[in-house]
Protein backbone atom coordinates (compact mmCIF):
# COMPACT_ATOMS: atom_id res chain seq x y z
CA MET A 1 166.96 135.43 35.65
CA THR A 2 166.94 131.95 34.27
CA ASP A 3 165.38 128.76 35.57
CA LEU A 4 168.81 127.74 36.86
CA ASP A 5 168.94 130.70 39.21
CA HIS A 6 165.78 129.71 41.08
CA ARG A 7 165.05 126.52 42.87
CA PRO A 8 161.67 125.53 44.15
CA ALA A 9 161.36 126.09 47.91
CA ASN A 10 160.56 122.43 48.61
CA LEU A 11 163.69 121.10 46.84
CA GLU A 12 166.64 120.88 49.19
CA ALA A 13 170.21 120.56 48.04
CA GLU A 14 171.69 117.11 48.47
CA PRO A 15 175.07 117.05 50.16
CA TYR A 16 178.03 115.81 48.17
CA GLY A 17 180.66 113.45 49.53
CA PRO A 18 180.45 110.96 52.36
CA PRO A 19 177.79 111.26 55.02
CA SER A 20 178.77 113.71 57.69
CA GLY A 21 179.84 112.36 61.05
CA SER A 22 182.12 113.54 63.73
CA LEU A 23 185.59 112.22 64.36
CA ALA A 24 184.36 110.87 67.69
CA ASP A 25 181.73 108.75 65.90
CA LEU A 26 184.35 107.36 63.55
CA LEU A 27 186.75 106.62 66.39
CA GLU A 28 184.00 104.92 68.40
CA ARG A 29 183.11 102.74 65.42
CA VAL A 30 186.74 101.76 64.79
CA LEU A 31 187.39 100.96 68.45
CA ASP A 32 184.14 99.01 68.75
CA LYS A 33 184.78 96.81 65.71
CA GLY A 34 188.56 97.01 65.48
CA ILE A 35 190.70 97.50 62.42
CA VAL A 36 193.67 95.48 61.16
CA ILE A 37 196.41 96.96 59.05
CA ALA A 38 198.94 94.50 57.66
CA GLY A 39 201.91 94.91 55.39
CA ASP A 40 205.30 93.53 54.45
CA ILE A 41 208.46 95.40 53.59
CA LYS A 42 211.00 93.35 51.68
CA ILE A 43 214.43 94.51 50.56
CA ASP A 44 216.21 92.45 47.92
CA LEU A 45 219.54 93.01 46.21
CA LEU A 46 220.22 90.97 43.07
CA ASP A 47 217.54 88.43 44.00
CA ILE A 48 219.03 87.99 47.49
CA GLU A 49 216.67 88.77 50.32
CA LEU A 50 218.42 91.16 52.67
CA LEU A 51 215.62 92.20 54.98
CA THR A 52 211.96 91.41 55.54
CA ILE A 53 209.82 93.32 57.98
CA ARG A 54 206.29 92.15 58.68
CA LEU A 55 204.00 94.76 60.13
CA ARG A 56 200.69 93.98 61.79
CA LEU A 57 198.68 96.69 63.49
CA PHE A 58 195.46 96.01 65.35
CA ILE A 59 193.57 99.07 66.55
CA ALA A 60 190.69 98.36 68.89
CA SER A 61 189.33 99.05 72.33
CA VAL A 62 190.55 96.96 75.26
CA ASP A 63 187.28 95.01 75.34
CA THR A 64 187.41 94.26 71.61
CA ALA A 65 191.06 93.19 71.88
CA LYS A 66 190.25 90.87 74.79
CA LYS A 67 187.43 89.31 72.73
CA ALA A 68 190.03 88.68 70.01
CA GLY A 69 192.27 86.97 72.57
CA ILE A 70 194.82 89.77 72.83
CA ASP A 71 195.80 90.77 76.37
CA TRP A 72 199.59 91.01 76.39
CA TRP A 73 199.53 94.31 78.30
CA GLU A 74 198.20 92.46 81.36
CA THR A 75 201.32 90.26 81.56
CA ASP A 76 203.95 92.84 80.59
CA PRO A 77 205.71 94.07 83.75
CA ALA A 78 206.49 97.40 82.07
CA LEU A 79 202.78 98.09 81.58
CA SER A 80 201.05 96.36 84.48
CA SER A 81 201.84 96.78 88.17
CA ARG A 82 200.22 93.41 88.89
CA ALA A 83 202.44 91.74 86.29
CA ALA A 84 205.48 93.49 87.80
CA ARG A 85 204.55 92.19 91.27
CA ASP A 86 204.02 88.71 89.85
CA ALA A 87 207.40 88.82 88.08
CA LEU A 88 209.13 89.93 91.27
CA ALA A 89 207.38 87.22 93.30
CA GLU A 90 208.42 84.59 90.77
CA GLU A 91 212.02 85.79 90.78
CA ASN A 92 211.98 85.84 94.59
CA GLU A 93 210.73 82.24 94.64
CA ARG A 94 213.49 81.11 92.25
CA LEU A 95 216.17 82.88 94.28
CA ARG A 96 214.89 81.35 97.54
CA ALA A 97 214.96 77.89 95.97
CA ARG A 98 218.56 78.44 94.81
CA LEU A 99 219.54 79.75 98.24
CA ASP A 100 218.00 76.72 99.94
CA ALA A 101 219.87 74.39 97.57
CA LEU A 102 223.16 76.21 98.25
CA GLU A 103 222.61 76.10 102.02
CA GLU A 104 221.90 72.37 101.83
CA ALA A 105 225.02 71.76 99.76
CA THR A 106 227.11 73.84 102.19
CA ALA A 107 225.69 72.00 105.18
CA GLU A 108 226.37 68.60 103.57
CA SER A 109 229.97 69.53 102.70
CA SER A 110 230.54 70.83 106.24
CA GLU A 111 229.25 67.57 107.73
CA ALA A 112 231.36 65.52 105.32
CA ALA A 113 234.47 67.50 106.28
CA ARG A 114 234.04 66.63 110.01
């Protein structure tokens, strides 16, 4: 046997590659700090711009997104029952106001016709 075949007992092998960590640790770190992915797709034909698509992706936890000022899901009726109720209440208010205006106009025209 050669010296290469034996290692001293106190010498441990150093791992190669990135430090080991679980996927859960990585996901927790990304959600805690957030990550932004941005890109543009541009299609030109003979120096004429036909299409431009701008992509922005922000991956974060709800708390991190709120700290960044992003809370659109709270006001989207498709995603929030409270927002859906608010949208229905607002529409109901507008319809009642229109109905009141129509009733007033009808009453005024009826009185004018007498």
